[in-house]
Amino acid sequence: MILGAGTGVIVGGIAGNQSDGDRSENSLKGAVIGGVIGGLASYLIHGSLESRDTRVRKDTLLNLEKFDVMGRDTTSNYGSSKSSGSGDKCFATREVDGQDVSIPCRYLNDSDFTGEQK
């Protein structure tokens, strides 16, 4: 919101300065009007983005199987793979960029199941 209001103040001040009449008064009026409009626009845009992000997180978390995310295997050692018997439920836990991620087995090579940690 601060960025939007600040941008509105600057643009409004410049626009007010360019209009006919008392330049300092017009600059001040333009800056105030621009700040209010910019702040309000930023508030509305931020609210809609937060709402969208919340909806996407909720949809993703409730449909993890649809996104091939099966969770972390907490019953076995780090770096090992697990299969539940049905071929689609196999996944392996690997460290990627400092975070543990679950990778579906169909995306791994057979050499990835040697039991070595990566």
N, C-alpha and C. Protein backbone atom coordinates (compact mmCIF):
# COMPACT_ATOMS: atom_id res chain seq x y z
N MET A 1 0.82 -1.18 0.00
CA MET A 1 0.00 0.00 0.00
C MET A 1 0.87 1.26 0.00
N ILE A 2 1.97 1.20 0.72
CA ILE A 2 2.85 2.36 0.78
C ILE A 2 3.41 2.69 -0.60
N LEU A 3 3.79 1.66 -1.34
CA LEU A 3 4.32 1.87 -2.68
C LEU A 3 3.25 2.50 -3.58
N GLY A 4 2.03 2.01 -3.51
CA GLY A 4 0.94 2.57 -4.33
C GLY A 4 0.63 4.00 -3.96
N ALA A 5 0.55 4.28 -2.66
CA ALA A 5 0.26 5.65 -2.22
C ALA A 5 1.41 6.58 -2.59
N GLY A 6 2.64 6.13 -2.41
CA GLY A 6 3.79 6.96 -2.76
C GLY A 6 3.85 7.27 -4.24
N THR A 7 3.57 6.26 -5.04
CA THR A 7 3.55 6.48 -6.49
C THR A 7 2.44 7.45 -6.86
N GLY A 8 1.28 7.31 -6.22
CA GLY A 8 0.17 8.23 -6.47
C GLY A 8 0.51 9.66 -6.09
N VAL A 9 1.21 9.83 -4.98
CA VAL A 9 1.62 11.18 -4.55
C VAL A 9 2.56 11.80 -5.58
N ILE A 10 3.52 11.05 -6.04
CA ILE A 10 4.49 11.58 -7.01
C ILE A 10 3.81 11.92 -8.33
N VAL A 11 3.03 10.98 -8.86
CA VAL A 11 2.37 11.21 -10.15
C VAL A 11 1.36 12.35 -10.02
N GLY A 12 0.59 12.36 -8.93
CA GLY A 12 -0.38 13.44 -8.73
C GLY A 12 0.28 14.79 -8.58
N GLY A 13 1.39 14.84 -7.86
CA GLY A 13 2.12 16.10 -7.72
C GLY A 13 2.65 16.61 -9.03
N ILE A 14 3.19 15.73 -9.85
CA ILE A 14 3.71 16.13 -11.16
C ILE A 14 2.56 16.60 -12.06
N ALA A 15 1.46 15.85 -12.06
CA ALA A 15 0.31 16.24 -12.90
C ALA A 15 -0.26 17.57 -12.44
N GLY A 16 -0.36 17.77 -11.12
CA GLY A 16 -0.88 19.03 -10.61
C GLY A 16 0.03 20.20 -10.94
N ASN A 17 1.31 19.97 -10.93
CA ASN A 17 2.27 21.02 -11.24
C ASN A 17 2.17 21.46 -12.70
N GLN A 18 1.75 20.56 -13.57
CA GLN A 18 1.67 20.86 -14.99
C GLN A 18 0.38 21.56 -15.38
N SER A 19 -0.59 21.63 -14.48
CA SER A 19 -1.87 22.26 -14.81
C SER A 19 -1.79 23.78 -14.63
N ASP A 20 -2.75 24.48 -15.22
CA ASP A 20 -2.77 25.95 -15.17
C ASP A 20 -3.15 26.44 -13.78
N GLY A 21 -2.70 27.61 -13.42
CA GLY A 21 -3.04 28.21 -12.14
C GLY A 21 -1.85 28.22 -11.21
N ASP A 22 -2.13 28.29 -9.91
CA ASP A 22 -1.09 28.32 -8.89
C ASP A 22 -0.43 26.94 -8.82
N ARG A 23 0.80 26.85 -9.26
CA ARG A 23 1.48 25.56 -9.37
C ARG A 23 1.67 24.88 -8.02
N SER A 24 2.05 25.59 -6.99
CA SER A 24 2.28 24.96 -5.70
C SER A 24 0.98 24.42 -5.11
N GLU A 25 -0.11 25.17 -5.26
CA GLU A 25 -1.41 24.69 -4.76
C GLU A 25 -1.88 23.49 -5.56
N ASN A 26 -1.74 23.57 -6.88
CA ASN A 26 -2.16 22.45 -7.74
C ASN A 26 -1.30 21.21 -7.48
N SER A 27 -0.01 21.40 -7.23
CA SER A 27 0.86 20.27 -6.92
C SER A 27 0.42 19.58 -5.64
N LEU A 28 0.08 20.37 -4.64
CA LEU A 28 -0.36 19.82 -3.36
C LEU A 28 -1.68 19.07 -3.52
N LYS A 29 -2.62 19.69 -4.21
CA LYS A 29 -3.92 19.02 -4.44
C LYS A 29 -3.71 17.73 -5.24
N GLY A 30 -2.92 17.79 -6.29
CA GLY A 30 -2.66 16.60 -7.11
C GLY A 30 -1.98 15.50 -6.31
N ALA A 31 -1.04 15.88 -5.44
CA ALA A 31 -0.35 14.89 -4.63
C ALA A 31 -1.31 14.21 -3.65
N VAL A 32 -2.18 14.99 -3.03
CA VAL A 32 -3.15 14.41 -2.08
C VAL A 32 -4.12 13.49 -2.81
N ILE A 33 -4.68 13.97 -3.91
CA ILE A 33 -5.64 13.15 -4.67
C ILE A 33 -4.95 11.89 -5.20
N GLY A 34 -3.75 12.05 -5.76
CA GLY A 34 -3.00 10.89 -6.28
C GLY A 34 -2.66 9.90 -5.19
N GLY A 35 -2.28 10.39 -4.00
CA GLY A 35 -1.96 9.50 -2.88
C GLY A 35 -3.16 8.69 -2.42
N VAL A 36 -4.32 9.35 -2.36
CA VAL A 36 -5.54 8.65 -1.94
C VAL A 36 -5.93 7.59 -2.98
N ILE A 37 -5.91 7.97 -4.24
CA ILE A 37 -6.28 7.01 -5.31
C ILE A 37 -5.27 5.86 -5.37
N GLY A 38 -3.98 6.18 -5.31
CA GLY A 38 -2.96 5.14 -5.35
C GLY A 38 -3.04 4.20 -4.16
N GLY A 39 -3.26 4.75 -2.96
CA GLY A 39 -3.39 3.92 -1.76
C GLY A 39 -4.62 3.02 -1.82
N LEU A 40 -5.75 3.56 -2.28
CA LEU A 40 -6.98 2.77 -2.39
C LEU A 40 -6.81 1.66 -3.42
N ALA A 41 -6.21 2.00 -4.56
CA ALA A 41 -5.99 0.98 -5.60
C ALA A 41 -5.07 -0.12 -5.08
N SER A 42 -4.01 0.26 -4.37
CA SER A 42 -3.09 -0.74 -3.81
C SER A 42 -3.79 -1.64 -2.80
N TYR A 43 -4.64 -1.05 -1.98
CA TYR A 43 -5.39 -1.83 -0.98
C TYR A 43 -6.29 -2.86 -1.65
N LEU A 44 -7.01 -2.43 -2.68
CA LEU A 44 -7.92 -3.35 -3.38
C LEU A 44 -7.15 -4.45 -4.12
N ILE A 45 -6.07 -4.09 -4.78
CA ILE A 45 -5.27 -5.08 -5.51
C ILE A 45 -4.64 -6.07 -4.53
N HIS A 46 -4.11 -5.58 -3.42
CA HIS A 46 -3.50 -6.46 -2.42
C HIS A 46 -4.54 -7.44 -1.87
N GLY A 47 -5.74 -6.94 -1.58
CA GLY A 47 -6.80 -7.81 -1.06
C GLY A 47 -7.18 -8.90 -2.04
N SER A 48 -7.28 -8.55 -3.32
CA SER A 48 -7.65 -9.57 -4.31
C SER A 48 -6.54 -10.60 -4.49
N LEU A 49 -5.28 -10.17 -4.43
CA LEU A 49 -4.17 -11.11 -4.55
C LEU A 49 -4.09 -12.04 -3.33
N GLU A 50 -4.32 -11.51 -2.14
CA GLU A 50 -4.33 -12.34 -0.94
C GLU A 50 -5.45 -13.37 -1.01
N SER A 51 -6.62 -12.95 -1.47
CA SER A 51 -7.76 -13.85 -1.61
C SER A 51 -7.43 -14.97 -2.61
N ARG A 52 -6.84 -14.59 -3.74
CA ARG A 52 -6.48 -15.58 -4.75
C ARG A 52 -5.44 -16.56 -4.21
N ASP A 53 -4.41 -16.05 -3.53
CA ASP A 53 -3.37 -16.92 -2.98
C ASP A 53 -3.93 -17.87 -1.94
N THR A 54 -4.84 -17.40 -1.10
CA THR A 54 -5.47 -18.26 -0.09
C THR A 54 -6.27 -19.36 -0.77
N ARG A 55 -7.00 -19.01 -1.81
CA ARG A 55 -7.81 -20.00 -2.54
C ARG A 55 -6.92 -21.05 -3.20
N VAL A 56 -5.82 -20.61 -3.81
CA VAL A 56 -4.90 -21.54 -4.48
C VAL A 56 -4.25 -22.48 -3.46
N ARG A 57 -3.80 -21.93 -2.31
CA ARG A 57 -3.20 -22.77 -1.27
C ARG A 57 -4.20 -23.80 -0.77
N LYS A 58 -5.43 -23.38 -0.56
CA LYS A 58 -6.47 -24.29 -0.07
C LYS A 58 -6.74 -25.39 -1.09
N ASP A 59 -6.90 -25.01 -2.36
CA ASP A 59 -7.16 -26.00 -3.41
C ASP A 59 -6.00 -26.97 -3.54
N THR A 60 -4.78 -26.48 -3.43
CA THR A 60 -3.60 -27.33 -3.56
C THR A 60 -3.49 -28.30 -2.39
N LEU A 61 -3.65 -27.79 -1.18
CA LEU A 61 -3.49 -28.64 0.01
C LEU A 61 -4.58 -29.71 0.10
N LEU A 62 -5.77 -29.42 -0.41
CA LEU A 62 -6.85 -30.40 -0.35
C LEU A 62 -6.78 -31.41 -1.49
N ASN A 63 -5.90 -31.18 -2.47
CA ASN A 63 -5.80 -32.06 -3.63
C ASN A 63 -4.36 -32.46 -3.89
N LEU A 64 -3.62 -32.83 -2.86
CA LEU A 64 -2.20 -33.15 -3.03
C LEU A 64 -1.97 -34.31 -3.98
N GLU A 65 -2.85 -35.31 -3.97
CA GLU A 65 -2.66 -36.46 -4.85
C GLU A 65 -2.75 -36.05 -6.31
N LYS A 66 -3.58 -35.07 -6.60
CA LYS A 66 -3.73 -34.58 -7.98
C LYS A 66 -2.43 -33.94 -8.48
N PHE A 67 -1.63 -33.38 -7.57
CA PHE A 67 -0.38 -32.73 -7.93
C PHE A 67 0.83 -33.63 -7.70
N ASP A 68 0.64 -34.94 -7.53
CA ASP A 68 1.70 -35.91 -7.31
C ASP A 68 2.54 -35.59 -6.08
N VAL A 69 1.92 -35.10 -5.05
CA VAL A 69 2.60 -34.83 -3.79
C VAL A 69 2.00 -35.77 -2.76
N MET A 70 2.82 -36.68 -2.26
CA MET A 70 2.31 -37.70 -1.36
C MET A 70 2.73 -37.45 0.08
N GLY A 71 3.54 -36.46 0.33
CA GLY A 71 3.98 -36.19 1.69
C GLY A 71 5.35 -36.78 1.96
N ARG A 72 5.83 -36.55 3.16
CA ARG A 72 7.15 -37.02 3.56
C ARG A 72 7.02 -38.41 4.16
N ASP A 73 7.95 -39.27 3.81
CA ASP A 73 8.00 -40.62 4.36
C ASP A 73 8.68 -40.56 5.72
N THR A 74 7.89 -40.58 6.79
CA THR A 74 8.46 -40.46 8.12
C THR A 74 8.73 -41.82 8.75
N THR A 75 8.40 -42.91 8.08
CA THR A 75 8.59 -44.24 8.67
C THR A 75 9.90 -44.88 8.29
N SER A 76 10.62 -44.32 7.33
CA SER A 76 11.88 -44.93 6.92
C SER A 76 13.00 -43.90 7.00
N ASN A 77 14.20 -44.34 6.74
CA ASN A 77 15.36 -43.47 6.80
C ASN A 77 15.33 -42.44 5.70
N TYR A 78 15.99 -41.32 5.96
CA TYR A 78 16.08 -40.26 4.96
C TYR A 78 16.76 -40.79 3.71
N GLY A 79 16.19 -40.40 2.54
CA GLY A 79 16.82 -40.77 1.29
C GLY A 79 16.36 -42.10 0.75
N SER A 80 15.57 -42.82 1.49
CA SER A 80 15.12 -44.11 0.98
C SER A 80 13.78 -43.94 0.29
N SER A 81 13.40 -44.94 -0.46
CA SER A 81 12.13 -44.86 -1.17
C SER A 81 11.14 -45.81 -0.52
N LYS A 82 9.88 -45.58 -0.82
CA LYS A 82 8.82 -46.38 -0.23
C LYS A 82 7.77 -46.67 -1.30
N SER A 83 7.27 -47.86 -1.29
CA SER A 83 6.19 -48.20 -2.18
C SER A 83 5.10 -48.87 -1.37
N SER A 84 3.86 -48.47 -1.62
CA SER A 84 2.75 -49.01 -0.84
C SER A 84 2.11 -50.20 -1.53
N GLY A 85 2.70 -50.68 -2.60
CA GLY A 85 2.13 -51.83 -3.27
C GLY A 85 1.44 -51.44 -4.56
N SER A 86 0.78 -50.28 -4.62
CA SER A 86 0.19 -49.83 -5.86
C SER A 86 1.18 -48.90 -6.53
N GLY A 87 1.50 -49.13 -7.79
CA GLY A 87 2.56 -48.44 -8.49
C GLY A 87 2.46 -46.93 -8.46
N ASP A 88 1.26 -46.36 -8.36
CA ASP A 88 1.10 -44.91 -8.38
C ASP A 88 1.44 -44.26 -7.05
N LYS A 89 1.55 -45.03 -5.97
CA LYS A 89 1.76 -44.45 -4.65
C LYS A 89 3.23 -44.47 -4.23
N CYS A 90 4.13 -44.85 -5.09
CA CYS A 90 5.55 -44.91 -4.78
C CYS A 90 6.15 -43.52 -4.88
N PHE A 91 6.96 -43.16 -3.88
CA PHE A 91 7.66 -41.89 -3.91
C PHE A 91 8.96 -42.02 -3.15
N ALA A 92 9.86 -41.12 -3.42
CA ALA A 92 11.15 -41.09 -2.74
C ALA A 92 11.37 -39.68 -2.19
N THR A 93 11.97 -39.61 -1.02
CA THR A 93 12.25 -38.32 -0.40
C THR A 93 13.70 -37.95 -0.70
N ARG A 94 13.91 -36.77 -1.26
CA ARG A 94 15.23 -36.28 -1.61
C ARG A 94 15.37 -34.85 -1.12
N GLU A 95 16.61 -34.41 -0.93
CA GLU A 95 16.87 -33.02 -0.56
C GLU A 95 17.14 -32.23 -1.84
N VAL A 96 16.38 -31.16 -2.03
CA VAL A 96 16.54 -30.28 -3.18
C VAL A 96 16.61 -28.86 -2.65
N ASP A 97 17.71 -28.19 -2.93
CA ASP A 97 17.91 -26.80 -2.48
C ASP A 97 17.69 -26.65 -0.98
N GLY A 98 18.14 -27.61 -0.20
CA GLY A 98 18.06 -27.53 1.25
C GLY A 98 16.72 -27.92 1.84
N GLN A 99 15.78 -28.38 1.03
CA GLN A 99 14.47 -28.78 1.52
C GLN A 99 14.17 -30.21 1.11
N ASP A 100 13.50 -30.96 2.00
CA ASP A 100 13.08 -32.31 1.66
C ASP A 100 11.85 -32.25 0.76
N VAL A 101 11.90 -32.97 -0.35
CA VAL A 101 10.76 -33.04 -1.25
C VAL A 101 10.47 -34.49 -1.57
N SER A 102 9.21 -34.79 -1.85
CA SER A 102 8.81 -36.13 -2.25
C SER A 102 8.68 -36.16 -3.77
N ILE A 103 9.37 -37.11 -4.38
CA ILE A 103 9.38 -37.22 -5.84
C ILE A 103 8.72 -38.54 -6.21
N PRO A 104 7.70 -38.54 -7.08
CA PRO A 104 7.09 -39.79 -7.51
C PRO A 104 8.13 -40.68 -8.19
N CYS A 105 8.06 -41.98 -7.91
CA CYS A 105 9.06 -42.93 -8.41
C CYS A 105 9.16 -42.93 -9.93
N ARG A 106 8.07 -42.65 -10.62
CA ARG A 106 8.12 -42.70 -12.08
C ARG A 106 9.05 -41.65 -12.67
N TYR A 107 9.45 -40.63 -11.87
CA TYR A 107 10.36 -39.61 -12.34
C TYR A 107 11.82 -39.91 -11.97
N LEU A 108 12.07 -41.02 -11.30
CA LEU A 108 13.42 -41.36 -10.87
C LEU A 108 13.96 -42.52 -11.69
N ASN A 109 15.28 -42.59 -11.82
CA ASN A 109 15.93 -43.72 -12.48
C ASN A 109 16.01 -44.88 -11.51
N ASP A 110 16.21 -46.09 -12.02
CA ASP A 110 16.39 -47.26 -11.16
C ASP A 110 17.62 -47.10 -10.28
N SER A 111 18.64 -46.38 -10.75
CA SER A 111 19.85 -46.20 -9.95
C SER A 111 19.60 -45.32 -8.73
N ASP A 112 18.50 -44.58 -8.72
CA ASP A 112 18.16 -43.74 -7.56
C ASP A 112 17.71 -44.57 -6.37
N PHE A 113 17.41 -45.85 -6.57
CA PHE A 113 16.92 -46.70 -5.49
C PHE A 113 17.99 -47.62 -4.92
N THR A 114 19.24 -47.20 -4.99
CA THR A 114 20.33 -48.02 -4.49
C THR A 114 20.46 -47.93 -2.98
N GLY A 115 19.69 -47.02 -2.37
CA GLY A 115 19.76 -46.87 -0.93
C GLY A 115 20.74 -45.79 -0.49
N GLU A 116 21.46 -45.21 -1.44
CA GLU A 116 22.41 -44.16 -1.10
C GLU A 116 21.66 -42.85 -0.91
N GLN A 117 22.15 -42.06 0.05
CA GLN A 117 21.55 -40.74 0.25
C GLN A 117 22.11 -39.78 -0.77
N LYS A 118 21.27 -38.88 -1.24
CA LYS A 118 21.70 -37.90 -2.23
C LYS A 118 21.65 -36.54 -1.65
